[in-house]
Amino acid sequence: MTIRQFQEIIRDTYHDRDAGRGMPLTFLWLVEEVGELARALQNGAPESLAEEFADVLAWLTTLASIAGVDLEAAAERRYGEGCPKCRAVPCCCKRGALE
């Protein structure tokens, strides 16, 4: 499945409800899912990691749809040639460990 196909499935399934909720409250749902992913990463529960990553992706995709952003096109524009700064693959930018 492509990013665009995933975005279409999520939009067809949830868009009316999520758009009705609005961007701010839908963003809070994304933050909650990121928290659940953080807990799964900390707890080392591999059985729930895939589910939590998928949930975060779904909520991010929902927000993009509400905002009118085509995620596949945005990803291609931003990362299609590698690192957005140096354009290298792998990135060869000089950065600190926490940047």
PDB file of N, CA and C in Angstrom:
ATOM      1  N   MET A   1       0.846  -1.170   0.000  1.00  0.00           N
ATOM      2  CA  MET A   1       0.000   0.000   0.000  1.00  0.00           C
ATOM      3  C   MET A   1       0.894   1.236   0.000  1.00  0.00           C
ATOM      4  N   THR A   2       0.562   2.219  -0.817  1.00  0.00           N
ATOM      5  CA  THR A   2       1.314   3.467  -0.854  1.00  0.00           C
ATOM      6  C   THR A   2       0.839   4.390   0.270  1.00  0.00           C
ATOM      7  N   ILE A   3       1.606   5.432   0.513  1.00  0.00           N
ATOM      8  CA  ILE A   3       1.185   6.437   1.493  1.00  0.00           C
ATOM      9  C   ILE A   3      -0.136   7.050   1.055  1.00  0.00           C
ATOM     10  N   ARG A   4      -0.270   7.336  -0.222  1.00  0.00           N
ATOM     11  CA  ARG A   4      -1.510   7.941  -0.737  1.00  0.00           C
ATOM     12  C   ARG A   4      -2.707   7.002  -0.536  1.00  0.00           C
ATOM     13  N   GLN A   5      -2.521   5.715  -0.800  1.00  0.00           N
ATOM     14  CA  GLN A   5      -3.611   4.758  -0.596  1.00  0.00           C
ATOM     15  C   GLN A   5      -4.007   4.692   0.882  1.00  0.00           C
ATOM     16  N   PHE A   6      -3.006   4.684   1.756  1.00  0.00           N
ATOM     17  CA  PHE A   6      -3.289   4.676   3.195  1.00  0.00           C
ATOM     18  C   PHE A   6      -4.063   5.927   3.590  1.00  0.00           C
ATOM     19  N   GLN A   7      -3.633   7.076   3.080  1.00  0.00           N
ATOM     20  CA  GLN A   7      -4.326   8.321   3.415  1.00  0.00           C
ATOM     21  C   GLN A   7      -5.771   8.283   2.926  1.00  0.00           C
ATOM     22  N   GLU A   8      -6.002   7.713   1.763  1.00  0.00           N
ATOM     23  CA  GLU A   8      -7.373   7.606   1.246  1.00  0.00           C
ATOM     24  C   GLU A   8      -8.229   6.691   2.120  1.00  0.00           C
ATOM     25  N   ILE A   9      -7.676   5.567   2.559  1.00  0.00           N
ATOM     26  CA  ILE A   9      -8.420   4.650   3.421  1.00  0.00           C
ATOM     27  C   ILE A   9      -8.767   5.322   4.746  1.00  0.00           C
ATOM     28  N   ILE A  10      -7.785   5.980   5.351  1.00  0.00           N
ATOM     29  CA  ILE A  10      -8.027   6.657   6.624  1.00  0.00           C
ATOM     30  C   ILE A  10      -9.048   7.779   6.436  1.00  0.00           C
ATOM     31  N   ARG A  11      -8.923   8.544   5.347  1.00  0.00           N
ATOM     32  CA  ARG A  11      -9.875   9.627   5.074  1.00  0.00           C
ATOM     33  C   ARG A  11     -11.290   9.057   4.883  1.00  0.00           C
ATOM     34  N   ASP A  12     -11.424   8.012   4.077  1.00  0.00           N
ATOM     35  CA  ASP A  12     -12.743   7.418   3.836  1.00  0.00           C
ATOM     36  C   ASP A  12     -13.354   6.858   5.117  1.00  0.00           C
ATOM     37  N   THR A  13     -12.527   6.351   5.993  1.00  0.00           N
ATOM     38  CA  THR A  13     -13.003   5.711   7.216  1.00  0.00           C
ATOM     39  C   THR A  13     -13.339   6.703   8.321  1.00  0.00           C
ATOM     40  N   TYR A  14     -12.513   7.735   8.493  1.00  0.00           N
ATOM     41  CA  TYR A  14     -12.627   8.582   9.683  1.00  0.00           C
ATOM     42  C   TYR A  14     -12.809  10.080   9.432  1.00  0.00           C
ATOM     43  N   HIS A  15     -12.695  10.541   8.200  1.00  0.00           N
ATOM     44  CA  HIS A  15     -12.600  11.990   7.960  1.00  0.00           C
ATOM     45  C   HIS A  15     -13.783  12.784   8.510  1.00  0.00           C
ATOM     46  N   ASP A  16     -15.012  12.340   8.264  1.00  0.00           N
ATOM     47  CA  ASP A  16     -16.158  13.140   8.705  1.00  0.00           C
ATOM     48  C   ASP A  16     -16.144  13.357  10.214  1.00  0.00           C
ATOM     49  N   ARG A  17     -15.889  12.287  10.960  1.00  0.00           N
ATOM     50  CA  ARG A  17     -15.862  12.399  12.424  1.00  0.00           C
ATOM     51  C   ARG A  17     -14.690  13.262  12.884  1.00  0.00           C
ATOM     52  N   ASP A  18     -13.510  13.015  12.311  1.00  0.00           N
ATOM     53  CA  ASP A  18     -12.325  13.750  12.759  1.00  0.00           C
ATOM     54  C   ASP A  18     -12.374  15.212  12.341  1.00  0.00           C
ATOM     55  N   ALA A  19     -12.844  15.498  11.144  1.00  0.00           N
ATOM     56  CA  ALA A  19     -12.963  16.893  10.708  1.00  0.00           C
ATOM     57  C   ALA A  19     -13.979  17.631  11.569  1.00  0.00           C
ATOM     58  N   GLY A  20     -15.051  16.924  11.957  1.00  0.00           N
ATOM     59  CA  GLY A  20     -16.048  17.528  12.836  1.00  0.00           C
ATOM     60  C   GLY A  20     -15.488  17.853  14.206  1.00  0.00           C
ATOM     61  N   ARG A  21     -14.557  17.038  14.668  1.00  0.00           N
ATOM     62  CA  ARG A  21     -13.903  17.268  15.954  1.00  0.00           C
ATOM     63  C   ARG A  21     -12.995  18.480  15.859  1.00  0.00           C
ATOM     64  N   GLY A  22     -12.399  18.674  14.682  1.00  0.00           N
ATOM     65  CA  GLY A  22     -11.516  19.807  14.455  1.00  0.00           C
ATOM     66  C   GLY A  22     -10.054  19.468  14.674  1.00  0.00           C
ATOM     67  N   MET A  23      -9.209  20.339  14.162  1.00  0.00           N
ATOM     68  CA  MET A  23      -7.767  20.138  14.221  1.00  0.00           C
ATOM     69  C   MET A  23      -7.229  20.085  15.658  1.00  0.00           C
ATOM     70  N   PRO A  24      -7.580  21.019  16.539  1.00  0.00           N
ATOM     71  CA  PRO A  24      -6.986  20.994  17.882  1.00  0.00           C
ATOM     72  C   PRO A  24      -7.283  19.704  18.660  1.00  0.00           C
ATOM     73  N   LEU A  25      -8.518  19.247  18.642  1.00  0.00           N
ATOM     74  CA  LEU A  25      -8.851  18.037  19.396  1.00  0.00           C
ATOM     75  C   LEU A  25      -8.309  16.782  18.719  1.00  0.00           C
ATOM     76  N   THR A  26      -8.282  16.783  17.407  1.00  0.00           N
ATOM     77  CA  THR A  26      -7.703  15.646  16.695  1.00  0.00           C
ATOM     78  C   THR A  26      -6.204  15.576  16.977  1.00  0.00           C
ATOM     79  N   PHE A  27      -5.552  16.723  17.060  1.00  0.00           N
ATOM     80  CA  PHE A  27      -4.135  16.752  17.421  1.00  0.00           C
ATOM     81  C   PHE A  27      -3.912  16.148  18.811  1.00  0.00           C
ATOM     82  N   LEU A  28      -4.804  16.407  19.735  1.00  0.00           N
ATOM     83  CA  LEU A  28      -4.680  15.815  21.075  1.00  0.00           C
ATOM     84  C   LEU A  28      -4.755  14.290  21.020  1.00  0.00           C
ATOM     85  N   TRP A  29      -5.582  13.759  20.120  1.00  0.00           N
ATOM     86  CA  TRP A  29      -5.637  12.301  19.949  1.00  0.00           C
ATOM     87  C   TRP A  29      -4.293  11.778  19.447  1.00  0.00           C
ATOM     88  N   LEU A  30      -3.662  12.511  18.514  1.00  0.00           N
ATOM     89  CA  LEU A  30      -2.340  12.118  18.036  1.00  0.00           C
ATOM     90  C   LEU A  30      -1.337  12.102  19.187  1.00  0.00           C
ATOM     91  N   VAL A  31      -1.365  13.131  20.016  1.00  0.00           N
ATOM     92  CA  VAL A  31      -0.442  13.215  21.144  1.00  0.00           C
ATOM     93  C   VAL A  31      -0.661  12.037  22.093  1.00  0.00           C
ATOM     94  N   GLU A  32      -1.904  11.679  22.340  1.00  0.00           N
ATOM     95  CA  GLU A  32      -2.202  10.512  23.189  1.00  0.00           C
ATOM     96  C   GLU A  32      -1.607   9.244  22.594  1.00  0.00           C
ATOM     97  N   GLU A  33      -1.735   9.083  21.278  1.00  0.00           N
ATOM     98  CA  GLU A  33      -1.173   7.898  20.620  1.00  0.00           C
ATOM     99  C   GLU A  33       0.355   7.895  20.686  1.00  0.00           C
ATOM    100  N   VAL A  34       0.971   9.068  20.570  1.00  0.00           N
ATOM    101  CA  VAL A  34       2.430   9.150  20.708  1.00  0.00           C
ATOM    102  C   VAL A  34       2.831   8.731  22.121  1.00  0.00           C
ATOM    103  N   GLY A  35       2.047   9.116  23.117  1.00  0.00           N
ATOM    104  CA  GLY A  35       2.302   8.684  24.488  1.00  0.00           C
ATOM    105  C   GLY A  35       2.209   7.173  24.629  1.00  0.00           C
ATOM    106  N   GLU A  36       1.216   6.572  23.991  1.00  0.00           N
ATOM    107  CA  GLU A  36       1.082   5.117  24.038  1.00  0.00           C
ATOM    108  C   GLU A  36       2.275   4.441  23.351  1.00  0.00           C
ATOM    109  N   LEU A  37       2.743   5.026  22.257  1.00  0.00           N
ATOM    110  CA  LEU A  37       3.927   4.494  21.587  1.00  0.00           C
ATOM    111  C   LEU A  37       5.153   4.611  22.493  1.00  0.00           C
ATOM    112  N   ALA A  38       5.282   5.743  23.171  1.00  0.00           N
ATOM    113  CA  ALA A  38       6.421   5.930  24.083  1.00  0.00           C
ATOM    114  C   ALA A  38       6.402   4.868  25.181  1.00  0.00           C
ATOM    115  N   ARG A  39       5.231   4.582  25.725  1.00  0.00           N
ATOM    116  CA  ARG A  39       5.129   3.550  26.762  1.00  0.00           C
ATOM    117  C   ARG A  39       5.492   2.173  26.201  1.00  0.00           C
ATOM    118  N   ALA A  40       5.050   1.882  25.002  1.00  0.00           N
ATOM    119  CA  ALA A  40       5.375   0.592  24.381  1.00  0.00           C
ATOM    120  C   ALA A  40       6.874   0.479  24.131  1.00  0.00           C
ATOM    121  N   LEU A  41       7.504   1.573  23.731  1.00  0.00           N
ATOM    122  CA  LEU A  41       8.955   1.561  23.517  1.00  0.00           C
ATOM    123  C   LEU A  41       9.696   1.359  24.834  1.00  0.00           C
ATOM    124  N   GLN A  42       9.230   1.998  25.884  1.00  0.00           N
ATOM    125  CA  GLN A  42       9.867   1.864  27.199  1.00  0.00           C
ATOM    126  C   GLN A  42       9.693   0.470  27.775  1.00  0.00           C
ATOM    127  N   ASN A  43       8.524  -0.093  27.578  1.00  0.00           N
ATOM    128  CA  ASN A  43       8.207  -1.388  28.167  1.00  0.00           C
ATOM    129  C   ASN A  43       8.762  -2.549  27.363  1.00  0.00           C
ATOM    130  N   GLY A  44       9.279  -2.258  26.177  1.00  0.00           N
ATOM    131  CA  GLY A  44       9.839  -3.315  25.352  1.00  0.00           C
ATOM    132  C   GLY A  44       8.827  -4.367  24.970  1.00  0.00           C
ATOM    133  N   ALA A  45       7.608  -3.940  24.697  1.00  0.00           N
ATOM    134  CA  ALA A  45       6.536  -4.863  24.328  1.00  0.00           C
ATOM    135  C   ALA A  45       6.438  -4.950  22.806  1.00  0.00           C
ATOM    136  N   PRO A  46       7.202  -5.854  22.197  1.00  0.00           N
ATOM    137  CA  PRO A  46       7.234  -5.902  20.729  1.00  0.00           C
ATOM    138  C   PRO A  46       5.878  -6.192  20.105  1.00  0.00           C
ATOM    139  N   GLU A  47       5.012  -6.910  20.813  1.00  0.00           N
ATOM    140  CA  GLU A  47       3.702  -7.223  20.236  1.00  0.00           C
ATOM    141  C   GLU A  47       2.826  -5.989  20.065  1.00  0.00           C
ATOM    142  N   SER A  48       3.061  -4.960  20.871  1.00  0.00           N
ATOM    143  CA  SER A  48       2.243  -3.758  20.742  1.00  0.00           C
ATOM    144  C   SER A  48       2.926  -2.649  19.944  1.00  0.00           C
ATOM    145  N   LEU A  49       4.218  -2.770  19.662  1.00  0.00           N
ATOM    146  CA  LEU A  49       4.929  -1.715  18.938  1.00  0.00           C
ATOM    147  C   LEU A  49       4.334  -1.463  17.555  1.00  0.00           C
ATOM    148  N   ALA A  50       4.112  -2.508  16.786  1.00  0.00           N
ATOM    149  CA  ALA A  50       3.574  -2.336  15.427  1.00  0.00           C
ATOM    150  C   ALA A  50       2.212  -1.659  15.476  1.00  0.00           C
ATOM    151  N   GLU A  51       1.376  -2.070  16.428  1.00  0.00           N
ATOM    152  CA  GLU A  51       0.049  -1.464  16.572  1.00  0.00           C
ATOM    153  C   GLU A  51       0.154   0.013  16.921  1.00  0.00           C
ATOM    154  N   GLU A  52       1.026   0.358  17.845  1.00  0.00           N
ATOM    155  CA  GLU A  52       1.164   1.751  18.263  1.00  0.00           C
ATOM    156  C   GLU A  52       1.755   2.616  17.146  1.00  0.00           C
ATOM    157  N   PHE A  53       2.747   2.087  16.415  1.00  0.00           N
ATOM    158  CA  PHE A  53       3.264   2.833  15.266  1.00  0.00           C
ATOM    159  C   PHE A  53       2.160   3.070  14.248  1.00  0.00           C
ATOM    160  N   ALA A  54       1.353   2.061  13.980  1.00  0.00           N
ATOM    161  CA  ALA A  54       0.257   2.207  13.019  1.00  0.00           C
ATOM    162  C   ALA A  54      -0.764   3.234  13.487  1.00  0.00           C
ATOM    163  N   ASP A  55      -1.070   3.243  14.792  1.00  0.00           N
ATOM    164  CA  ASP A  55      -2.018   4.226  15.324  1.00  0.00           C
ATOM    165  C   ASP A  55      -1.486   5.646  15.176  1.00  0.00           C
ATOM    166  N   VAL A  56      -0.200   5.860  15.479  1.00  0.00           N
ATOM    167  CA  VAL A  56       0.400   7.190  15.325  1.00  0.00           C
ATOM    168  C   VAL A  56       0.343   7.616  13.860  1.00  0.00           C
ATOM    169  N   LEU A  57       0.676   6.695  12.965  1.00  0.00           N
ATOM    170  CA  LEU A  57       0.621   7.001  11.535  1.00  0.00           C
ATOM    171  C   LEU A  57      -0.797   7.360  11.107  1.00  0.00           C
ATOM    172  N   ALA A  58      -1.783   6.636  11.609  1.00  0.00           N
ATOM    173  CA  ALA A  58      -3.177   6.912  11.243  1.00  0.00           C
ATOM    174  C   ALA A  58      -3.617   8.292  11.713  1.00  0.00           C
ATOM    175  N   TRP A  59      -3.287   8.651  12.946  1.00  0.00           N
ATOM    176  CA  TRP A  59      -3.687   9.972  13.449  1.00  0.00           C
ATOM    177  C   TRP A  59      -2.929  11.092  12.752  1.00  0.00           C
ATOM    178  N   LEU A  60      -1.656  10.888  12.444  1.00  0.00           N
ATOM    179  CA  LEU A  60      -0.902  11.879  11.677  1.00  0.00           C
ATOM    180  C   LEU A  60      -1.529  12.052  10.289  1.00  0.00           C
ATOM    181  N   THR A  61      -1.918  10.945   9.698  1.00  0.00           N
ATOM    182  CA  THR A  61      -2.552  10.980   8.381  1.00  0.00           C
ATOM    183  C   THR A  61      -3.885  11.708   8.436  1.00  0.00           C
ATOM    184  N   THR A  62      -4.647  11.482   9.488  1.00  0.00           N
ATOM    185  CA  THR A  62      -5.916  12.185   9.669  1.00  0.00           C
ATOM    186  C   THR A  62      -5.698  13.693   9.743  1.00  0.00           C
ATOM    187  N   LEU A  63      -4.708  14.110  10.532  1.00  0.00           N
ATOM    188  CA  LEU A  63      -4.412  15.542  10.633  1.00  0.00           C
ATOM    189  C   LEU A  63      -4.009  16.119   9.286  1.00  0.00           C
ATOM    190  N   ALA A  64      -3.197  15.396   8.544  1.00  0.00           N
ATOM    191  CA  ALA A  64      -2.791  15.865   7.219  1.00  0.00           C
ATOM    192  C   ALA A  64      -4.012  16.034   6.322  1.00  0.00           C
ATOM    193  N   SER A  65      -4.927  15.092   6.368  1.00  0.00           N
ATOM    194  CA  SER A  65      -6.129  15.193   5.534  1.00  0.00           C
ATOM    195  C   SER A  65      -6.978  16.397   5.915  1.00  0.00           C
ATOM    196  N   ILE A  66      -7.164  16.603   7.212  1.00  0.00           N
ATOM    197  CA  ILE A  66      -7.934  17.766   7.671  1.00  0.00           C
ATOM    198  C   ILE A  66      -7.271  19.056   7.188  1.00  0.00           C
ATOM    199  N   ALA A  67      -5.943  19.086   7.190  1.00  0.00           N
ATOM    200  CA  ALA A  67      -5.191  20.274   6.766  1.00  0.00           C
ATOM    201  C   ALA A  67      -5.064  20.375   5.250  1.00  0.00           C
ATOM    202  N   GLY A  68      -5.526  19.362   4.522  1.00  0.00           N
ATOM    203  CA  GLY A  68      -5.437  19.393   3.067  1.00  0.00           C
ATOM    204  C   GLY A  68      -4.055  19.068   2.523  1.00  0.00           C
ATOM    205  N   VAL A  69      -3.270  18.295   3.290  1.00  0.00           N
ATOM    206  CA  VAL A  69      -1.911  17.945   2.879  1.00  0.00           C
ATOM    207  C   VAL A  69      -1.897  16.524   2.325  1.00  0.00           C
ATOM    208  N   ASP A  70      -1.360  16.372   1.127  1.00  0.00           N
ATOM    209  CA  ASP A  70      -1.127  15.054   0.533  1.00  0.00           C
ATOM    210  C   ASP A  70       0.207  14.564   1.080  1.00  0.00           C
ATOM    211  N   LEU A  71       0.163  13.599   2.001  1.00  0.00           N
ATOM    212  CA  LEU A  71       1.382  13.144   2.672  1.00  0.00           C
ATOM    213  C   LEU A  71       2.406  12.556   1.713  1.00  0.00           C
ATOM    214  N   GLU A  72       1.951  11.808   0.729  1.00  0.00           N
ATOM    215  CA  GLU A  72       2.900  11.205  -0.211  1.00  0.00           C
ATOM    216  C   GLU A  72       3.650  12.286  -0.985  1.00  0.00           C
ATOM    217  N   ALA A  73       2.922  13.288  -1.468  1.00  0.00           N
ATOM    218  CA  ALA A  73       3.560  14.378  -2.209  1.00  0.00           C
ATOM    219  C   ALA A  73       4.488  15.182  -1.297  1.00  0.00           C
ATOM    220  N   ALA A  74       4.050  15.425  -0.063  1.00  0.00           N
ATOM    221  CA  ALA A  74       4.874  16.184   0.883  1.00  0.00           C
ATOM    222  C   ALA A  74       6.162  15.432   1.206  1.00  0.00           C
ATOM    223  N   ALA A  75       6.057  14.124   1.429  1.00  0.00           N
ATOM    224  CA  ALA A  75       7.244  13.319   1.732  1.00  0.00           C
ATOM    225  C   ALA A  75       8.194  13.295   0.546  1.00  0.00           C
ATOM    226  N   GLU A  76       7.650  13.183  -0.648  1.00  0.00           N
ATOM    227  CA  GLU A  76       8.493  13.167  -1.854  1.00  0.00           C
ATOM    228  C   GLU A  76       9.230  14.497  -2.019  1.00  0.00           C
ATOM    229  N   ARG A  77       8.499  15.604  -1.828  1.00  0.00           N
ATOM    230  CA  ARG A  77       9.131  16.923  -1.957  1.00  0.00           C
ATOM    231  C   ARG A  77      10.216  17.125  -0.905  1.00  0.00           C
ATOM    232  N   ARG A  78       9.946  16.711   0.313  1.00  0.00           N
ATOM    233  CA  ARG A  78      10.860  16.998   1.418  1.00  0.00           C
ATOM    234  C   ARG A  78      12.036  16.020   1.493  1.00  0.00           C
ATOM    235  N   TYR A  79      11.778  14.738   1.250  1.00  0.00           N
ATOM    236  CA  TYR A  79      12.805  13.715   1.466  1.00  0.00           C
ATOM    237  C   TYR A  79      13.118  12.874   0.235  1.00  0.00           C
ATOM    238  N   GLY A  80      12.557  13.204  -0.900  1.00  0.00           N
ATOM    239  CA  GLY A  80      12.732  12.408  -2.105  1.00  0.00           C
ATOM    240  C   GLY A  80      14.152  12.325  -2.621  1.00  0.00           C
ATOM    241  N   GLU A  81      14.982  13.285  -2.252  1.00  0.00           N
ATOM    242  CA  GLU A  81      16.385  13.274  -2.684  1.00  0.00           C
ATOM    243  C   GLU A  81      17.332  12.988  -1.522  1.00  0.00           C
ATOM    244  N   GLY A  82      16.787  12.525  -0.410  1.00  0.00           N
ATOM    245  CA  GLY A  82      17.609  12.265   0.770  1.00  0.00           C
ATOM    246  C   GLY A  82      17.435  13.350   1.804  1.00  0.00           C
ATOM    247  N   CYS A  83      18.499  13.649   2.517  1.00  0.00           N
ATOM    248  CA  CYS A  83      18.467  14.669   3.562  1.00  0.00           C
ATOM    249  C   CYS A  83      18.044  16.008   2.956  1.00  0.00           C
ATOM    250  N   PRO A  84      17.045  16.683   3.551  1.00  0.00           N
ATOM    251  CA  PRO A  84      16.617  17.978   3.018  1.00  0.00           C
ATOM    252  C   PRO A  84      17.703  19.059   3.043  1.00  0.00           C
ATOM    253  N   LYS A  85      18.705  18.919   3.935  1.00  0.00           N
ATOM    254  CA  LYS A  85      19.762  19.935   4.019  1.00  0.00           C
ATOM    255  C   LYS A  85      20.927  19.649   3.081  1.00  0.00           C
ATOM    256  N   CYS A  86      21.487  18.448   3.183  1.00  0.00           N
ATOM    257  CA  CYS A  86      22.706  18.158   2.409  1.00  0.00           C
ATOM    258  C   CYS A  86      22.424  17.352   1.146  1.00  0.00           C
ATOM    259  N   ARG A  87      21.189  16.830   1.022  1.00  0.00           N
ATOM    260  CA  ARG A  87      20.756  16.018  -0.126  1.00  0.00           C
ATOM    261  C   ARG A  87      21.490  14.693  -0.245  1.00  0.00           C
ATOM    262  N   ALA A  88      22.245  14.308   0.779  1.00  0.00           N
ATOM    263  CA  ALA A  88      22.999  13.058   0.728  1.00  0.00           C
ATOM    264  C   ALA A  88      22.192  11.908   1.327  1.00  0.00           C
ATOM    265  N   VAL A  89      22.504  10.704   0.862  1.00  0.00           N
ATOM    266  CA  VAL A  89      21.967   9.463   1.412  1.00  0.00           C
ATOM    267  C   VAL A  89      23.140   8.524   1.612  1.00  0.00           C
ATOM    268  N   PRO A  90      23.558   8.254   2.840  1.00  0.00           N
ATOM    269  CA  PRO A  90      23.004   8.768   4.091  1.00  0.00           C
ATOM    270  C   PRO A  90      23.406  10.225   4.322  1.00  0.00           C
ATOM    271  N   CYS A  91      22.696  10.857   5.242  1.00  0.00           N
ATOM    272  CA  CYS A  91      22.959  12.248   5.594  1.00  0.00           C
ATOM    273  C   CYS A  91      24.398  12.414   6.063  1.00  0.00           C
ATOM    274  N   CYS A  92      25.022  13.494   5.607  1.00  0.00           N
ATOM    275  CA  CYS A  92      26.386  13.783   6.062  1.00  0.00           C
ATOM    276  C   CYS A  92      26.470  15.142   6.744  1.00  0.00           C
ATOM    277  N   CYS A  93      25.325  15.673   7.203  1.00  0.00           N
ATOM    278  CA  CYS A  93      25.332  16.921   7.961  1.00  0.00           C
ATOM    279  C   CYS A  93      26.057  16.717   9.285  1.00  0.00           C
ATOM    280  N   LYS A  94      26.756  17.722   9.711  1.00  0.00           N
ATOM    281  CA  LYS A  94      27.437  17.687  11.005  1.00  0.00           C
ATOM    282  C   LYS A  94      26.457  18.198  12.046  1.00  0.00           C
ATOM    283  N   ARG A  95      26.008  17.293  12.921  1.00  0.00           N
ATOM    284  CA  ARG A  95      25.033  17.659  13.940  1.00  0.00           C
ATOM    285  C   ARG A  95      25.378  16.989  15.253  1.00  0.00           C
ATOM    286  N   GLY A  96      24.887  17.589  16.332  1.00  0.00           N
ATOM    287  CA  GLY A  96      25.034  16.985  17.655  1.00  0.00           C
ATOM    288  C   GLY A  96      24.128  15.773  17.789  1.00  0.00           C
ATOM    289  N   ALA A  97      24.382  14.956  18.771  1.00  0.00           N
ATOM    290  CA  ALA A  97      23.647  13.707  18.956  1.00  0.00           C
ATOM    291  C   ALA A  97      22.170  13.930  19.249  1.00  0.00           C
ATOM    292  N   LEU A  98      21.807  15.043  19.874  1.00  0.00           N
ATOM    293  CA  LEU A  98      20.414  15.267  20.246  1.00  0.00           C
ATOM    294  C   LEU A  98      19.684  16.253  19.330  1.00  0.00           C
ATOM    295  N   GLU A  99      20.268  16.606  18.224  1.00  0.00           N
ATOM    296  CA  GLU A  99      19.591  17.548  17.324  1.00  0.00           C
ATOM    297  C   GLU A  99      18.692  16.824  16.365  1.00  0.00           C
TER     298      GLU A  99
END
